[in-house]
Amino acid sequence: MELLQSDKEVEQVLLQAASTGEAISAIRKICSEKDIPVKTVPPEKLSR
């Protein structure tokens, strides 16, 4: 969230499929306002 609120460039945001809640809504809103693509991916794509 902090990165999205900064002036740093962000290529895209990956969100886990079926993620919901206020934080996810806020992330989507900021991305929309800054024209940052949001991609929904399965959980295993985000696991390291």
C-alpha atoms as a PDB file:
ATOM      1  CA  MET A   1       0.000   0.000   0.000  1.00  0.00           C
ATOM      2  CA  GLU A   2       2.810   2.422   0.881  1.00  0.00           C
ATOM      3  CA  LEU A   3       4.466   1.860  -2.483  1.00  0.00           C
ATOM      4  CA  LEU A   4       1.233   2.614  -4.326  1.00  0.00           C
ATOM      5  CA  GLN A   5       0.794   5.834  -2.371  1.00  0.00           C
ATOM      6  CA  SER A   6       4.339   6.978  -3.179  1.00  0.00           C
ATOM      7  CA  ASP A   7       5.545   8.598  -6.386  1.00  0.00           C
ATOM      8  CA  LYS A   8       7.530   5.499  -7.393  1.00  0.00           C
ATOM      9  CA  GLU A   9       6.647   3.785 -10.662  1.00  0.00           C
ATOM     10  CA  VAL A  10       4.740   0.492 -10.405  1.00  0.00           C
ATOM     11  CA  GLU A  11       4.366  -1.730 -13.488  1.00  0.00           C
ATOM     12  CA  GLN A  12       1.516  -3.884 -12.195  1.00  0.00           C
ATOM     13  CA  VAL A  13      -0.033  -5.285  -9.030  1.00  0.00           C
ATOM     14  CA  LEU A  14      -0.691  -8.984  -8.501  1.00  0.00           C
ATOM     15  CA  LEU A  15      -3.579  -9.908  -6.226  1.00  0.00           C
ATOM     16  CA  GLN A  16      -4.540 -13.357  -5.045  1.00  0.00           C
ATOM     17  CA  ALA A  17      -7.716 -14.618  -6.680  1.00  0.00           C
ATOM     18  CA  ALA A  18     -10.830 -14.195  -4.528  1.00  0.00           C
ATOM     19  CA  SER A  19      -9.131 -11.583  -2.314  1.00  0.00           C
ATOM     20  CA  THR A  20     -11.652  -9.243  -0.745  1.00  0.00           C
ATOM     21  CA  GLY A  21     -11.843  -6.649   1.964  1.00  0.00           C
ATOM     22  CA  GLU A  22     -11.268  -2.968   2.560  1.00  0.00           C
ATOM     23  CA  ALA A  23      -7.516  -3.147   1.905  1.00  0.00           C
ATOM     24  CA  ILE A  24      -8.027  -4.896  -1.442  1.00  0.00           C
ATOM     25  CA  SER A  25     -10.661  -2.338  -2.429  1.00  0.00           C
ATOM     26  CA  ALA A  26      -8.271   0.482  -1.518  1.00  0.00           C
ATOM     27  CA  ILE A  27      -5.471  -1.101  -3.562  1.00  0.00           C
ATOM     28  CA  ARG A  28      -7.766  -1.498  -6.567  1.00  0.00           C
ATOM     29  CA  LYS A  29      -8.925   2.121  -6.254  1.00  0.00           C
ATOM     30  CA  ILE A  30      -5.392   3.527  -6.109  1.00  0.00           C
ATOM     31  CA  CYS A  31      -4.352   1.365  -9.062  1.00  0.00           C
ATOM     32  CA  SER A  32      -7.338   2.574 -11.046  1.00  0.00           C
ATOM     33  CA  GLU A  33      -6.557   6.214 -10.278  1.00  0.00           C
ATOM     34  CA  LYS A  34      -2.906   5.768 -11.303  1.00  0.00           C
ATOM     35  CA  ASP A  35      -3.632   3.542 -14.332  1.00  0.00           C
ATOM     36  CA  ILE A  36      -1.688   0.634 -12.810  1.00  0.00           C
ATOM     37  CA  PRO A  37      -2.779  -2.762 -14.155  1.00  0.00           C
ATOM     38  CA  VAL A  38      -4.109  -5.221 -11.568  1.00  0.00           C
ATOM     39  CA  LYS A  39      -3.776  -8.915 -12.318  1.00  0.00           C
ATOM     40  CA  THR A  40      -5.580 -11.607 -10.323  1.00  0.00           C
ATOM     41  CA  VAL A  41      -3.520 -14.771  -9.922  1.00  0.00           C
ATOM     42  CA  PRO A  42      -3.880 -18.116  -8.125  1.00  0.00           C
ATOM     43  CA  PRO A  43      -2.364 -18.320  -4.609  1.00  0.00           C
ATOM     44  CA  GLU A  44       0.508 -20.556  -5.738  1.00  0.00           C
ATOM     45  CA  LYS A  45       1.775 -17.757  -8.013  1.00  0.00           C
ATOM     46  CA  LEU A  46       2.317 -15.564  -4.950  1.00  0.00           C
ATOM     47  CA  SER A  47       3.853 -18.231  -2.704  1.00  0.00           C
ATOM     48  CA  ARG A  48       7.608 -18.233  -2.485  1.00  0.00           C
END
